[in-house]
Amino acid sequence: MKEKVLAVMRAAGRPVGAGEIEKLSGLERKVIDKAMKELKKEELIVSPVRCKWEPIN
């Protein structure tokens, strides 16, 4: 799931929130929240804007 969330973030091309990822991917919010928590822990995503995230290049 982490890879799918990252792919959606990269495809968006800008910082996105969990709600937008949900709309773009069709995944459940709880699945997205769990994946994002793991991605934050692994330092694979950053938050340039409050409540929005993007992958680290």
N, C-alpha and C. Protein backbone atom coordinates (compact mmCIF):
# COMPACT_ATOMS: atom_id res chain seq x y z
N MET A 1 0.81 -1.20 0.00
CA MET A 1 0.00 0.00 0.00
C MET A 1 0.86 1.26 0.00
N LYS A 2 2.00 1.21 0.70
CA LYS A 2 2.86 2.39 0.74
C LYS A 2 3.28 2.80 -0.66
N GLU A 3 3.60 1.82 -1.50
CA GLU A 3 4.03 2.12 -2.85
C GLU A 3 2.91 2.76 -3.65
N LYS A 4 1.68 2.29 -3.45
CA LYS A 4 0.54 2.86 -4.18
C LYS A 4 0.30 4.31 -3.74
N VAL A 5 0.38 4.57 -2.43
CA VAL A 5 0.20 5.93 -1.93
C VAL A 5 1.30 6.84 -2.49
N LEU A 6 2.53 6.37 -2.49
CA LEU A 6 3.64 7.15 -3.06
C LEU A 6 3.41 7.42 -4.54
N ALA A 7 2.93 6.41 -5.27
CA ALA A 7 2.68 6.58 -6.71
C ALA A 7 1.62 7.65 -6.95
N VAL A 8 0.57 7.66 -6.13
CA VAL A 8 -0.49 8.66 -6.27
C VAL A 8 0.08 10.05 -5.98
N MET A 9 0.91 10.15 -4.95
CA MET A 9 1.53 11.44 -4.61
C MET A 9 2.41 11.94 -5.75
N ARG A 10 3.20 11.04 -6.32
CA ARG A 10 4.08 11.44 -7.43
C ARG A 10 3.26 11.87 -8.65
N ALA A 11 2.19 11.13 -8.92
CA ALA A 11 1.34 11.43 -10.08
C ALA A 11 0.66 12.79 -9.92
N ALA A 12 0.31 13.16 -8.67
CA ALA A 12 -0.34 14.44 -8.42
C ALA A 12 0.60 15.60 -8.76
N GLY A 13 1.89 15.41 -8.52
CA GLY A 13 2.88 16.43 -8.87
C GLY A 13 2.88 17.65 -7.96
N ARG A 14 2.19 17.55 -6.85
CA ARG A 14 2.13 18.65 -5.87
C ARG A 14 1.78 18.05 -4.52
N PRO A 15 1.95 18.80 -3.43
CA PRO A 15 1.58 18.28 -2.11
C PRO A 15 0.09 17.96 -2.04
N VAL A 16 -0.24 16.80 -1.49
CA VAL A 16 -1.64 16.38 -1.37
C VAL A 16 -1.94 15.90 0.05
N GLY A 17 -3.19 16.00 0.44
CA GLY A 17 -3.64 15.52 1.73
C GLY A 17 -4.22 14.12 1.59
N ALA A 18 -4.47 13.48 2.71
CA ALA A 18 -5.00 12.11 2.72
C ALA A 18 -6.36 12.04 2.02
N GLY A 19 -7.19 13.05 2.19
CA GLY A 19 -8.50 13.06 1.54
C GLY A 19 -8.39 13.06 0.03
N GLU A 20 -7.45 13.81 -0.48
CA GLU A 20 -7.25 13.86 -1.93
C GLU A 20 -6.68 12.54 -2.44
N ILE A 21 -5.77 11.95 -1.67
CA ILE A 21 -5.22 10.64 -2.05
C ILE A 21 -6.36 9.62 -2.11
N GLU A 22 -7.29 9.71 -1.16
CA GLU A 22 -8.44 8.81 -1.13
C GLU A 22 -9.25 8.95 -2.42
N LYS A 23 -9.51 10.17 -2.85
CA LYS A 23 -10.28 10.41 -4.07
C LYS A 23 -9.53 9.92 -5.31
N LEU A 24 -8.22 10.15 -5.36
CA LEU A 24 -7.44 9.79 -6.53
C LEU A 24 -7.18 8.29 -6.64
N SER A 25 -7.08 7.61 -5.50
CA SER A 25 -6.69 6.20 -5.51
C SER A 25 -7.84 5.23 -5.32
N GLY A 26 -8.89 5.67 -4.65
CA GLY A 26 -10.00 4.76 -4.35
C GLY A 26 -9.73 3.89 -3.13
N LEU A 27 -8.60 4.11 -2.46
CA LEU A 27 -8.28 3.35 -1.25
C LEU A 27 -9.08 3.88 -0.07
N GLU A 28 -9.24 3.03 0.95
CA GLU A 28 -9.92 3.47 2.17
C GLU A 28 -9.02 4.41 2.95
N ARG A 29 -9.65 5.35 3.65
CA ARG A 29 -8.90 6.36 4.40
C ARG A 29 -8.00 5.73 5.46
N LYS A 30 -8.50 4.71 6.16
CA LYS A 30 -7.67 4.11 7.22
C LYS A 30 -6.42 3.43 6.65
N VAL A 31 -6.54 2.88 5.44
CA VAL A 31 -5.38 2.26 4.78
C VAL A 31 -4.37 3.35 4.41
N ILE A 32 -4.87 4.47 3.89
CA ILE A 32 -4.01 5.59 3.51
C ILE A 32 -3.30 6.15 4.74
N ASP A 33 -4.06 6.37 5.83
CA ASP A 33 -3.47 6.90 7.07
C ASP A 33 -2.36 6.00 7.59
N LYS A 34 -2.58 4.69 7.55
CA LYS A 34 -1.56 3.75 8.02
C LYS A 34 -0.32 3.81 7.14
N ALA A 35 -0.52 3.83 5.82
CA ALA A 35 0.60 3.89 4.89
C ALA A 35 1.38 5.19 5.07
N MET A 36 0.65 6.30 5.24
CA MET A 36 1.33 7.60 5.41
C MET A 36 2.10 7.64 6.72
N LYS A 37 1.57 7.04 7.76
CA LYS A 37 2.28 6.98 9.04
C LYS A 37 3.62 6.25 8.87
N GLU A 38 3.58 5.14 8.14
CA GLU A 38 4.81 4.38 7.90
C GLU A 38 5.77 5.16 7.01
N LEU A 39 5.24 5.84 6.00
CA LEU A 39 6.10 6.63 5.11
C LEU A 39 6.76 7.78 5.85
N LYS A 40 6.03 8.41 6.78
CA LYS A 40 6.61 9.49 7.61
C LYS A 40 7.73 8.93 8.47
N LYS A 41 7.48 7.77 9.08
CA LYS A 41 8.46 7.14 9.97
C LYS A 41 9.74 6.80 9.20
N GLU A 42 9.57 6.36 7.95
CA GLU A 42 10.72 5.99 7.11
C GLU A 42 11.32 7.21 6.40
N GLU A 43 10.75 8.40 6.66
CA GLU A 43 11.21 9.66 6.08
C GLU A 43 11.22 9.64 4.55
N LEU A 44 10.15 9.07 3.98
CA LEU A 44 10.01 9.03 2.52
C LEU A 44 9.09 10.13 2.01
N ILE A 45 8.36 10.79 2.94
CA ILE A 45 7.50 11.91 2.56
C ILE A 45 7.75 13.08 3.51
N VAL A 46 7.50 14.28 2.99
CA VAL A 46 7.66 15.49 3.80
C VAL A 46 6.41 16.35 3.65
N SER A 47 6.24 17.26 4.59
CA SER A 47 5.09 18.16 4.58
C SER A 47 5.55 19.60 4.36
N PRO A 48 5.52 20.07 3.09
CA PRO A 48 5.92 21.45 2.82
C PRO A 48 4.83 22.45 3.19
N VAL A 49 3.60 21.96 3.27
CA VAL A 49 2.44 22.78 3.60
C VAL A 49 1.64 22.02 4.65
N ARG A 50 1.09 22.73 5.61
CA ARG A 50 0.35 22.08 6.68
C ARG A 50 -0.71 21.12 6.14
N CYS A 51 -0.70 19.89 6.63
CA CYS A 51 -1.67 18.85 6.29
C CYS A 51 -1.56 18.34 4.84
N LYS A 52 -0.51 18.68 4.16
CA LYS A 52 -0.29 18.18 2.79
C LYS A 52 1.09 17.56 2.75
N TRP A 53 1.21 16.50 1.97
CA TRP A 53 2.46 15.74 1.93
C TRP A 53 2.89 15.50 0.50
N GLU A 54 4.21 15.29 0.35
CA GLU A 54 4.76 14.93 -0.95
C GLU A 54 5.96 14.02 -0.74
N PRO A 55 6.29 13.20 -1.74
CA PRO A 55 7.45 12.32 -1.59
C PRO A 55 8.75 13.12 -1.62
N ILE A 56 9.74 12.59 -0.93
CA ILE A 56 11.08 13.19 -0.98
C ILE A 56 11.73 12.73 -2.27
N ASN A 57 12.29 13.66 -3.01
CA ASN A 57 12.91 13.33 -4.29
C ASN A 57 14.31 12.82 -4.11
